[in-house]
């Protein structure tokens, strides 16, 4: 069984590539044709069920998947003797405490970093003349959408790219770490149907988010807005999986 179709390095290149391809297609098609297709095709409308569920409720879905992968790693790492018999001398100490600490910190970090990123995105939008169409004066794109209104005017950095790339890359890293550990422990064949279901559901969700970003790259936002959104989509994974692990003292405190 191939648990993860892409490693995190390959996955990280997918989003810039689809951005370039999408922007190129958009330029070739022209605004008039793009607007006509958005009116005529259901899945190009931002209110389609995939976008409503997987993008606007993406944080809840991500949290479920992230906790699922965390629980899966805890189960596998604390039930090694039950899956594959091993010499008692090779069994390591119970990692429950360190795993709980690590995943709680990652969850908090992700939420804090995304809050900062979207505060910046909304701030830039307001400073460049944007506002909510309901004239409520809100500074939050999320609150504006919840009120049934829309952002109008201003420089609108793509929140879809920023949000979906960040949460997708976090899951790619977790899947890759899980796969590497299973290979190292020679436990690939010991993965049961529930483990496969969690991994499969995660990969399906990642593919769905990728489809949403393809639509965004072609039909929504100006090129620079999408480029900046995509670039900001790597902030969480860079800090959580590169910067912190690269500094031993910080890693020991947080993870």
C-alpha atoms as a PDB file:
ATOM      1  CA  UNK A   1       0.000   0.000   0.000  1.00  0.00           C
ATOM      2  CA  UNK A   2       1.290   3.419  -0.928  1.00  0.00           C
ATOM      3  CA  UNK A   3       0.250   5.474   2.065  1.00  0.00           C
ATOM      4  CA  UNK A   4       1.170   8.915   0.756  1.00  0.00           C
ATOM      5  CA  UNK A   5       1.179   9.658  -3.001  1.00  0.00           C
ATOM      6  CA  UNK A   6       3.505  12.670  -2.623  1.00  0.00           C
ATOM      7  CA  UNK A   7       6.197  13.585  -0.136  1.00  0.00           C
ATOM      8  CA  UNK A   8       6.013  17.080   1.325  1.00  0.00           C
ATOM      9  CA  UNK A   9       8.669  18.511  -1.013  1.00  0.00           C
ATOM     10  CA  UNK A  10       6.756  17.443  -4.105  1.00  0.00           C
ATOM     11  CA  UNK A  11       3.465  18.533  -2.564  1.00  0.00           C
ATOM     12  CA  UNK A  12       4.941  21.972  -1.869  1.00  0.00           C
ATOM     13  CA  UNK A  13       5.619  22.494  -5.587  1.00  0.00           C
ATOM     14  CA  UNK A  14       2.052  21.642  -6.620  1.00  0.00           C
ATOM     15  CA  UNK A  15       0.516  24.924  -5.444  1.00  0.00           C
ATOM     16  CA  UNK A  16       2.887  27.352  -7.224  1.00  0.00           C
ATOM     17  CA  UNK A  17       2.628  25.256 -10.390  1.00  0.00           C
ATOM     18  CA  UNK A  18      -1.167  25.274 -10.400  1.00  0.00           C
ATOM     19  CA  UNK A  19      -1.079  29.006  -9.676  1.00  0.00           C
ATOM     20  CA  UNK A  20       1.078  29.665 -12.747  1.00  0.00           C
ATOM     21  CA  UNK A  21      -1.028  27.366 -14.928  1.00  0.00           C
ATOM     22  CA  UNK A  22      -4.282  28.874 -13.638  1.00  0.00           C
ATOM     23  CA  UNK A  23      -3.138  32.461 -14.186  1.00  0.00           C
ATOM     24  CA  UNK A  24      -1.979  31.561 -17.699  1.00  0.00           C
ATOM     25  CA  UNK A  25      -5.348  29.995 -18.536  1.00  0.00           C
ATOM     26  CA  UNK A  26      -7.138  33.051 -17.143  1.00  0.00           C
ATOM     27  CA  UNK A  27      -5.091  35.403 -19.312  1.00  0.00           C
ATOM     28  CA  UNK A  28      -5.743  33.313 -22.414  1.00  0.00           C
ATOM     29  CA  UNK A  29      -9.487  33.116 -21.777  1.00  0.00           C
ATOM     30  CA  UNK A  30     -10.061  36.776 -20.973  1.00  0.00           C
ATOM     31  CA  UNK A  31     -12.273  38.390 -18.314  1.00  0.00           C
ATOM     32  CA  UNK A  32     -15.481  38.333 -20.339  1.00  0.00           C
ATOM     33  CA  UNK A  33     -15.389  34.593 -20.897  1.00  0.00           C
ATOM     34  CA  UNK A  34     -14.353  33.932 -17.310  1.00  0.00           C
ATOM     35  CA  UNK A  35     -17.284  35.927 -15.951  1.00  0.00           C
ATOM     36  CA  UNK A  36     -19.716  34.144 -18.277  1.00  0.00           C
ATOM     37  CA  UNK A  37     -18.468  30.717 -17.143  1.00  0.00           C
ATOM     38  CA  UNK A  38     -18.747  31.746 -13.480  1.00  0.00           C
ATOM     39  CA  UNK A  39     -22.405  32.609 -14.048  1.00  0.00           C
ATOM     40  CA  UNK A  40     -23.201  29.455 -16.022  1.00  0.00           C
ATOM     41  CA  UNK A  41     -21.365  26.692 -14.143  1.00  0.00           C
ATOM     42  CA  UNK A  42     -22.323  25.676 -10.611  1.00  0.00           C
ATOM     43  CA  UNK A  43     -18.875  24.654  -9.396  1.00  0.00           C
ATOM     44  CA  UNK A  44     -17.414  27.997 -10.445  1.00  0.00           C
ATOM     45  CA  UNK A  45     -19.807  29.828  -8.135  1.00  0.00           C
ATOM     46  CA  UNK A  46     -18.286  30.516  -4.691  1.00  0.00           C
ATOM     47  CA  UNK A  47     -21.530  29.318  -3.093  1.00  0.00           C
ATOM     48  CA  UNK A  48     -21.206  25.765  -4.462  1.00  0.00           C
ATOM     49  CA  UNK A  49     -21.337  23.077  -1.791  1.00  0.00           C
ATOM     50  CA  UNK A  50     -17.676  22.050  -2.153  1.00  0.00           C
ATOM     51  CA  UNK A  51     -16.487  25.581  -1.498  1.00  0.00           C
ATOM     52  CA  UNK A  52     -18.987  26.116   1.308  1.00  0.00           C
ATOM     53  CA  UNK A  53     -18.039  22.863   3.035  1.00  0.00           C
ATOM     54  CA  UNK A  54     -14.334  22.407   2.357  1.00  0.00           C
ATOM     55  CA  UNK A  55     -13.203  26.051   2.239  1.00  0.00           C
ATOM     56  CA  UNK A  56     -15.530  28.015   4.509  1.00  0.00           C
ATOM     57  CA  UNK A  57     -15.643  25.122   6.990  1.00  0.00           C
ATOM     58  CA  UNK A  58     -12.099  24.038   6.201  1.00  0.00           C
ATOM     59  CA  UNK A  59     -10.802  24.874   9.654  1.00  0.00           C
ATOM     60  CA  UNK A  60     -13.204  22.435  11.302  1.00  0.00           C
ATOM     61  CA  UNK A  61     -12.409  19.737   8.733  1.00  0.00           C
ATOM     62  CA  UNK A  62      -8.685  20.310   9.152  1.00  0.00           C
ATOM     63  CA  UNK A  63      -8.961  20.075  12.940  1.00  0.00           C
ATOM     64  CA  UNK A  64     -10.753  16.723  12.696  1.00  0.00           C
ATOM     65  CA  UNK A  65      -8.154  15.348  10.269  1.00  0.00           C
ATOM     66  CA  UNK A  66      -5.214  16.717  12.255  1.00  0.00           C
ATOM     67  CA  UNK A  67      -6.538  15.208  15.479  1.00  0.00           C
ATOM     68  CA  UNK A  68      -7.210  11.971  13.596  1.00  0.00           C
ATOM     69  CA  UNK A  69      -3.605  11.772  12.402  1.00  0.00           C
ATOM     70  CA  UNK A  70      -2.366  12.684  15.883  1.00  0.00           C
ATOM     71  CA  UNK A  71      -4.511   9.939  17.402  1.00  0.00           C
ATOM     72  CA  UNK A  72      -3.313   7.513  14.761  1.00  0.00           C
ATOM     73  CA  UNK A  73       0.329   8.229  15.560  1.00  0.00           C
ATOM     74  CA  UNK A  74      -0.360   7.867  19.273  1.00  0.00           C
ATOM     75  CA  UNK A  75      -2.122   4.528  18.707  1.00  0.00           C
ATOM     76  CA  UNK A  76       0.625   3.108  16.516  1.00  0.00           C
ATOM     77  CA  UNK A  77       3.493   4.321  18.684  1.00  0.00           C
ATOM     78  CA  UNK A  78       1.936   3.020  21.906  1.00  0.00           C
ATOM     79  CA  UNK A  79       0.763  -0.325  20.496  1.00  0.00           C
ATOM     80  CA  UNK A  80       3.917  -1.475  18.717  1.00  0.00           C
ATOM     81  CA  UNK A  81       4.044  -4.802  20.615  1.00  0.00           C
ATOM     82  CA  UNK A  82       0.421  -5.504  19.661  1.00  0.00           C
ATOM     83  CA  UNK A  83       1.017  -4.912  15.960  1.00  0.00           C
ATOM     84  CA  UNK A  84       4.403  -6.516  15.449  1.00  0.00           C
ATOM     85  CA  UNK A  85       6.092  -8.641  18.149  1.00  0.00           C
ATOM     86  CA  UNK A  86       9.417  -7.106  19.139  1.00  0.00           C
ATOM     87  CA  UNK A  87      12.163  -7.918  21.591  1.00  0.00           C
ATOM     88  CA  UNK A  88      11.317  -6.274  24.901  1.00  0.00           C
ATOM     89  CA  UNK A  89      14.671  -4.503  24.867  1.00  0.00           C
ATOM     90  CA  UNK A  90      13.748  -2.556  21.737  1.00  0.00           C
ATOM     91  CA  UNK A  91      10.467  -1.197  23.105  1.00  0.00           C
ATOM     92  CA  UNK A  92      10.821   2.502  23.857  1.00  0.00           C
ATOM     93  CA  UNK A  93       9.136   4.404  26.663  1.00  0.00           C
ATOM     94  CA  UNK A  94       5.502   5.390  26.289  1.00  0.00           C
ATOM     95  CA  UNK A  95       5.448   8.554  24.134  1.00  0.00           C
ATOM     96  CA  UNK A  96       1.948   9.668  25.132  1.00  0.00           C
ATOM     97  CA  UNK A  97       2.949  12.817  27.052  1.00  0.00           C
ATOM     98  CA  UNK A  98       5.379  14.103  24.426  1.00  0.00           C
ATOM     99  CA  UNK A  99       2.928  13.414  21.584  1.00  0.00           C
ATOM    100  CA  UNK A 100       0.063  15.205  23.343  1.00  0.00           C
ATOM    101  CA  UNK A 101       2.302  18.195  24.066  1.00  0.00           C
ATOM    102  CA  UNK A 102       3.619  18.326  20.502  1.00  0.00           C
ATOM    103  CA  UNK A 103       0.207  18.219  18.835  1.00  0.00           C
ATOM    104  CA  UNK A 104      -1.397  20.705  21.218  1.00  0.00           C
ATOM    105  CA  UNK A 105       1.448  23.140  20.527  1.00  0.00           C
ATOM    106  CA  UNK A 106       1.130  22.604  16.776  1.00  0.00           C
ATOM    107  CA  UNK A 107      -2.615  23.197  16.935  1.00  0.00           C
ATOM    108  CA  UNK A 108      -2.164  26.415  18.905  1.00  0.00           C
ATOM    109  CA  UNK A 109       0.667  27.609  16.649  1.00  0.00           C
ATOM    110  CA  UNK A 110      -1.369  27.039  13.506  1.00  0.00           C
ATOM    111  CA  UNK A 111      -4.318  29.010  14.886  1.00  0.00           C
ATOM    112  CA  UNK A 112      -2.133  31.899  16.071  1.00  0.00           C
ATOM    113  CA  UNK A 113      -0.185  32.108  12.812  1.00  0.00           C
ATOM    114  CA  UNK A 114      -3.323  32.025  10.670  1.00  0.00           C
ATOM    115  CA  UNK A 115      -4.941  34.698  12.852  1.00  0.00           C
ATOM    116  CA  UNK A 116      -1.909  36.946  12.315  1.00  0.00           C
ATOM    117  CA  UNK A 117      -1.870  36.265   8.569  1.00  0.00           C
ATOM    118  CA  UNK A 118      -5.554  37.067   8.134  1.00  0.00           C
ATOM    119  CA  UNK A 119      -5.267  40.155  10.327  1.00  0.00           C
ATOM    120  CA  UNK A 120      -2.597  41.318   7.878  1.00  0.00           C
ATOM    121  CA  UNK A 121      -4.677  40.362   4.807  1.00  0.00           C
ATOM    122  CA  UNK A 122      -7.791  42.131   6.101  1.00  0.00           C
ATOM    123  CA  UNK A 123      -5.731  45.135   7.174  1.00  0.00           C
ATOM    124  CA  UNK A 124      -4.198  45.537   3.719  1.00  0.00           C
ATOM    125  CA  UNK A 125      -7.664  45.286   2.179  1.00  0.00           C
ATOM    126  CA  UNK A 126      -9.087  48.013   4.433  1.00  0.00           C
ATOM    127  CA  UNK A 127      -6.036  50.279   4.033  1.00  0.00           C
ATOM    128  CA  UNK A 128      -6.313  50.091   0.233  1.00  0.00           C
ATOM    129  CA  UNK A 129      -9.906  51.300   0.250  1.00  0.00           C
ATOM    130  CA  UNK A 130     -11.853  48.072   0.693  1.00  0.00           C
ATOM    131  CA  UNK A 131     -14.959  47.606   2.822  1.00  0.00           C
ATOM    132  CA  UNK A 132     -17.831  45.217   3.517  1.00  0.00           C
ATOM    133  CA  UNK A 133     -20.829  45.647   1.216  1.00  0.00           C
ATOM    134  CA  UNK A 134     -23.271  45.772   4.155  1.00  0.00           C
ATOM    135  CA  UNK A 135     -21.620  49.013   5.371  1.00  0.00           C
ATOM    136  CA  UNK A 136     -21.210  47.485   8.825  1.00  0.00           C
ATOM    137  CA  UNK A 137     -17.674  48.797   9.103  1.00  0.00           C
ATOM    138  CA  UNK A 138     -16.284  45.370  10.025  1.00  0.00           C
ATOM    139  CA  UNK A 139     -12.579  44.828   9.497  1.00  0.00           C
ATOM    140  CA  UNK A 140     -12.964  41.055   9.145  1.00  0.00           C
ATOM    141  CA  UNK A 141     -13.609  39.288   5.837  1.00  0.00           C
ATOM    142  CA  UNK A 142     -14.965  36.311   7.779  1.00  0.00           C
ATOM    143  CA  UNK A 143     -17.529  38.414   9.644  1.00  0.00           C
ATOM    144  CA  UNK A 144     -18.486  40.156   6.412  1.00  0.00           C
ATOM    145  CA  UNK A 145     -19.172  36.803   4.740  1.00  0.00           C
ATOM    146  CA  UNK A 146     -21.100  35.527   7.760  1.00  0.00           C
ATOM    147  CA  UNK A 147     -23.350  38.581   7.463  1.00  0.00           C
ATOM    148  CA  UNK A 148     -24.161  37.566   3.895  1.00  0.00           C
ATOM    149  CA  UNK A 149     -22.178  40.458   2.445  1.00  0.00           C
ATOM    150  CA  UNK A 150     -19.012  40.713   0.335  1.00  0.00           C
ATOM    151  CA  UNK A 151     -15.663  42.461   0.377  1.00  0.00           C
ATOM    152  CA  UNK A 152     -15.682  45.292  -2.170  1.00  0.00           C
ATOM    153  CA  UNK A 153     -12.762  47.289  -3.521  1.00  0.00           C
ATOM    154  CA  UNK A 154      -9.305  47.202  -2.013  1.00  0.00           C
ATOM    155  CA  UNK A 155      -6.334  44.920  -2.619  1.00  0.00           C
ATOM    156  CA  UNK A 156      -7.728  41.501  -1.745  1.00  0.00           C
ATOM    157  CA  UNK A 157      -4.911  39.006  -1.106  1.00  0.00           C
ATOM    158  CA  UNK A 158      -6.282  35.531  -1.788  1.00  0.00           C
ATOM    159  CA  UNK A 159      -7.461  34.118   1.519  1.00  0.00           C
ATOM    160  CA  UNK A 160      -8.245  30.823  -0.196  1.00  0.00           C
ATOM    161  CA  UNK A 161      -4.623  30.348  -1.220  1.00  0.00           C
ATOM    162  CA  UNK A 162      -3.225  31.514   2.110  1.00  0.00           C
ATOM    163  CA  UNK A 163      -5.559  29.344   4.167  1.00  0.00           C
ATOM    164  CA  UNK A 164      -5.769  26.173   2.074  1.00  0.00           C
ATOM    165  CA  UNK A 165      -2.053  25.974   1.276  1.00  0.00           C
ATOM    166  CA  UNK A 166      -1.148  26.394   4.957  1.00  0.00           C
ATOM    167  CA  UNK A 167      -3.515  23.737   6.269  1.00  0.00           C
ATOM    168  CA  UNK A 168      -2.768  21.401   3.356  1.00  0.00           C
ATOM    169  CA  UNK A 169       0.995  21.578   3.860  1.00  0.00           C
ATOM    170  CA  UNK A 170       0.622  20.860   7.581  1.00  0.00           C
ATOM    171  CA  UNK A 171      -1.267  17.666   6.759  1.00  0.00           C
ATOM    172  CA  UNK A 172       1.288  16.731   4.081  1.00  0.00           C
ATOM    173  CA  UNK A 173       4.068  17.020   6.664  1.00  0.00           C
ATOM    174  CA  UNK A 174       2.135  14.896   9.149  1.00  0.00           C
ATOM    175  CA  UNK A 175       1.423  12.237   6.518  1.00  0.00           C
ATOM    176  CA  UNK A 176       5.076  12.177   5.489  1.00  0.00           C
ATOM    177  CA  UNK A 177       6.266  11.864   9.093  1.00  0.00           C
ATOM    178  CA  UNK A 178       3.807   9.021   9.649  1.00  0.00           C
ATOM    179  CA  UNK A 179       4.920   7.226   6.505  1.00  0.00           C
ATOM    180  CA  UNK A 180       8.620   7.609   7.366  1.00  0.00           C
ATOM    181  CA  UNK A 181       8.034   6.244  10.869  1.00  0.00           C
ATOM    182  CA  UNK A 182       6.049   3.250   9.575  1.00  0.00           C
ATOM    183  CA  UNK A 183       8.805   2.417   7.099  1.00  0.00           C
ATOM    184  CA  UNK A 184      11.501   2.812   9.762  1.00  0.00           C
ATOM    185  CA  UNK A 185       9.622   0.508  12.138  1.00  0.00           C
ATOM    186  CA  UNK A 186       8.749  -1.926   9.330  1.00  0.00           C
ATOM    187  CA  UNK A 187       5.070  -1.543  10.173  1.00  0.00           C
ATOM    188  CA  UNK A 188       3.531  -0.755   6.784  1.00  0.00           C
ATOM    189  CA  UNK A 189       1.868  -4.184   6.627  1.00  0.00           C
ATOM    190  CA  UNK A 190       0.568  -3.766  10.174  1.00  0.00           C
ATOM    191  CA  UNK A 191      -1.639  -0.788   9.318  1.00  0.00           C
ATOM    192  CA  UNK A 192      -5.281  -1.774   9.843  1.00  0.00           C
ATOM    193  CA  UNK A 193      -8.415  -0.662   8.008  1.00  0.00           C
ATOM    194  CA  UNK A 194      -9.108   2.210  10.410  1.00  0.00           C
ATOM    195  CA  UNK A 195      -5.634   3.623   9.888  1.00  0.00           C
ATOM    196  CA  UNK A 196      -6.079   3.368   6.132  1.00  0.00           C
ATOM    197  CA  UNK A 197      -9.452   5.109   6.405  1.00  0.00           C
ATOM    198  CA  UNK A 198      -7.959   8.085   8.268  1.00  0.00           C
ATOM    199  CA  UNK A 199      -5.115   8.391   5.778  1.00  0.00           C
ATOM    200  CA  UNK A 200      -7.422   7.944   2.791  1.00  0.00           C
ATOM    201  CA  UNK A 201      -9.884  10.562   4.057  1.00  0.00           C
ATOM    202  CA  UNK A 202      -7.029  13.006   4.579  1.00  0.00           C
ATOM    203  CA  UNK A 203      -5.705  12.488   1.057  1.00  0.00           C
ATOM    204  CA  UNK A 204      -9.216  12.872  -0.412  1.00  0.00           C
ATOM    205  CA  UNK A 205      -9.637  16.163   1.445  1.00  0.00           C
ATOM    206  CA  UNK A 206      -6.243  17.393   0.239  1.00  0.00           C
ATOM    207  CA  UNK A 207      -7.282  16.605  -3.333  1.00  0.00           C
ATOM    208  CA  UNK A 208     -10.567  18.495  -2.859  1.00  0.00           C
ATOM    209  CA  UNK A 209      -8.770  21.546  -1.495  1.00  0.00           C
ATOM    210  CA  UNK A 210      -6.431  21.362  -4.466  1.00  0.00           C
ATOM    211  CA  UNK A 211      -9.421  21.370  -6.846  1.00  0.00           C
ATOM    212  CA  UNK A 212     -10.800  24.469  -5.102  1.00  0.00           C
ATOM    213  CA  UNK A 213      -7.437  26.200  -5.541  1.00  0.00           C
ATOM    214  CA  UNK A 214      -7.405  25.344  -9.246  1.00  0.00           C
ATOM    215  CA  UNK A 215     -10.752  27.135  -9.595  1.00  0.00           C
ATOM    216  CA  UNK A 216      -9.431  30.069  -7.563  1.00  0.00           C
ATOM    217  CA  UNK A 217      -6.263  30.326  -9.646  1.00  0.00           C
ATOM    218  CA  UNK A 218      -8.284  30.645 -12.866  1.00  0.00           C
ATOM    219  CA  UNK A 219     -11.449  32.524 -11.930  1.00  0.00           C
ATOM    220  CA  UNK A 220     -10.785  34.671  -8.882  1.00  0.00           C
ATOM    221  CA  UNK A 221      -8.459  37.476  -7.753  1.00  0.00           C
ATOM    222  CA  UNK A 222      -5.782  39.445  -9.554  1.00  0.00           C
ATOM    223  CA  UNK A 223      -2.452  37.769 -10.261  1.00  0.00           C
ATOM    224  CA  UNK A 224      -0.508  39.562  -7.511  1.00  0.00           C
ATOM    225  CA  UNK A 225      -3.272  38.850  -4.991  1.00  0.00           C
ATOM    226  CA  UNK A 226      -2.974  35.135  -5.749  1.00  0.00           C
ATOM    227  CA  UNK A 227       0.826  35.145  -5.749  1.00  0.00           C
ATOM    228  CA  UNK A 228       0.977  36.794  -2.321  1.00  0.00           C
ATOM    229  CA  UNK A 229      -1.725  34.491  -0.976  1.00  0.00           C
ATOM    230  CA  UNK A 230       0.157  31.430  -2.185  1.00  0.00           C
ATOM    231  CA  UNK A 231       3.461  32.680  -0.745  1.00  0.00           C
ATOM    232  CA  UNK A 232       1.819  33.329   2.629  1.00  0.00           C
ATOM    233  CA  UNK A 233       0.511  29.763   2.485  1.00  0.00           C
ATOM    234  CA  UNK A 234       3.947  28.474   3.485  1.00  0.00           C
ATOM    235  CA  UNK A 235       4.279  30.461   6.718  1.00  0.00           C
ATOM    236  CA  UNK A 236       2.783  27.812   9.031  1.00  0.00           C
ATOM    237  CA  UNK A 237       4.709  24.812   7.652  1.00  0.00           C
ATOM    238  CA  UNK A 238       7.999  26.741   7.535  1.00  0.00           C
ATOM    239  CA  UNK A 239       7.732  27.780  11.172  1.00  0.00           C
ATOM    240  CA  UNK A 240       6.218  24.546  12.509  1.00  0.00           C
ATOM    241  CA  UNK A 241       8.273  21.991  10.568  1.00  0.00           C
ATOM    242  CA  UNK A 242      11.502  23.780   9.676  1.00  0.00           C
ATOM    243  CA  UNK A 243      12.263  26.775  11.884  1.00  0.00           C
ATOM    244  CA  UNK A 244      11.317  25.227  15.240  1.00  0.00           C
ATOM    245  CA  UNK A 245      12.922  21.790  14.603  1.00  0.00           C
ATOM    246  CA  UNK A 246      16.086  23.542  13.356  1.00  0.00           C
ATOM    247  CA  UNK A 247      16.676  25.141  16.770  1.00  0.00           C
ATOM    248  CA  UNK A 248      17.196  22.520  19.458  1.00  0.00           C
ATOM    249  CA  UNK A 249      16.397  24.721  22.448  1.00  0.00           C
ATOM    250  CA  UNK A 250      13.130  25.934  20.935  1.00  0.00           C
ATOM    251  CA  UNK A 251      12.221  22.429  19.782  1.00  0.00           C
ATOM    252  CA  UNK A 252      12.780  20.959  23.250  1.00  0.00           C
ATOM    253  CA  UNK A 253      10.560  23.604  24.825  1.00  0.00           C
ATOM    254  CA  UNK A 254       7.706  23.416  22.306  1.00  0.00           C
ATOM    255  CA  UNK A 255       7.846  19.846  21.000  1.00  0.00           C
END
